[in-house]
Amino acid sequence: MNGQEREALLEAASTPYRERDASGGILSSPAFMDLDPALRDELVLRQAWMREVERALHPMGWSGTVSAVMERIG
């Protein structure tokens, strides 16, 4: 895997968005499944940083995950 492919997988797996199945269950990120254990460790750090940025930018201090949950419960 080259650097560009690695970065694309990390970016895809870093977002809080997850697809859902027909019954509404959350599906695992396909990009996550393609990461080796070392890249999964890097992903954890990247996700933590991204949630901090999201909270800093949201007027109520919500992360993307909190925003998604609040949208679902309406």
Protein backbone atom coordinates (compact mmCIF):
# COMPACT_ATOMS: atom_id res chain seq x y z
CA MET A 1 0.00 0.00 0.00
CA ASN A 2 1.44 3.35 -0.97
CA GLY A 3 1.17 6.54 1.08
CA GLN A 4 -1.75 7.90 -0.92
CA GLU A 5 -3.77 4.67 -0.49
CA ARG A 6 -2.95 4.59 3.21
CA GLU A 7 -4.08 8.18 3.67
CA ALA A 8 -7.31 7.56 1.74
CA LEU A 9 -8.19 4.58 3.98
CA LEU A 10 -7.42 6.53 7.15
CA GLU A 11 -9.52 9.46 5.95
CA ALA A 12 -12.47 7.23 5.03
CA ALA A 13 -12.36 5.42 8.37
CA SER A 14 -11.95 8.64 10.40
CA THR A 15 -15.34 10.16 9.71
CA PRO A 16 -18.21 9.71 12.19
CA TYR A 17 -20.57 8.74 9.35
CA ARG A 18 -21.48 5.06 9.16
CA GLU A 19 -23.80 3.38 6.70
CA ARG A 20 -26.81 1.50 8.02
CA ASP A 21 -28.40 -1.77 7.04
CA ALA A 22 -32.09 -2.17 6.09
CA SER A 23 -33.13 -2.49 9.75
CA GLY A 24 -31.19 0.63 10.78
CA GLY A 25 -28.20 -1.14 12.31
CA ILE A 26 -24.83 0.57 12.03
CA LEU A 27 -22.37 -1.11 9.66
CA SER A 28 -18.62 -1.23 10.17
CA SER A 29 -16.56 1.01 7.93
CA PRO A 30 -15.21 -0.98 4.96
CA ALA A 31 -12.08 1.17 5.14
CA PHE A 32 -11.49 0.09 8.76
CA MET A 33 -11.49 -3.54 7.73
CA ASP A 34 -8.70 -2.81 5.22
CA LEU A 35 -6.37 -1.30 7.84
CA ASP A 36 -3.61 -3.36 9.41
CA PRO A 37 -3.21 -3.21 13.23
CA ALA A 38 -0.59 -0.44 13.15
CA LEU A 39 -2.82 1.75 11.01
CA ARG A 40 -5.76 1.03 13.32
CA ASP A 41 -3.68 2.45 16.18
CA GLU A 42 -3.02 5.54 14.08
CA LEU A 43 -6.74 5.75 13.29
CA VAL A 44 -7.62 5.93 17.00
CA LEU A 45 -5.35 8.95 17.42
CA ARG A 46 -6.71 10.59 14.28
CA GLN A 47 -10.33 10.04 15.33
CA ALA A 48 -9.69 11.53 18.78
CA TRP A 49 -8.12 14.61 17.17
CA MET A 50 -10.99 14.96 14.67
CA ARG A 51 -13.63 14.77 17.43
CA GLU A 52 -11.79 17.59 19.25
CA VAL A 53 -11.86 19.72 16.09
CA GLU A 54 -15.56 18.97 15.54
CA ARG A 55 -16.39 19.99 19.13
CA ALA A 56 -14.38 23.19 18.76
CA LEU A 57 -16.30 24.13 15.62
CA HIS A 58 -19.81 23.24 16.79
CA PRO A 59 -21.74 26.03 18.57
CA MET A 60 -22.83 23.63 21.34
CA GLY A 61 -19.52 21.76 21.50
CA TRP A 62 -20.88 18.58 19.91
CA SER A 63 -18.76 16.10 18.03
CA GLY A 64 -19.94 14.70 14.70
CA THR A 65 -21.05 11.57 16.53
CA VAL A 66 -23.20 13.52 18.99
CA SER A 67 -24.67 15.55 16.12
CA ALA A 68 -25.57 12.33 14.27
CA VAL A 69 -27.22 10.82 17.35
CA MET A 70 -29.18 13.99 18.08
CA GLU A 71 -30.37 14.13 14.48
CA ARG A 72 -31.62 10.53 14.68
CA ILE A 73 -33.56 11.07 17.88
CA GLY A 74 -34.93 14.28 16.44
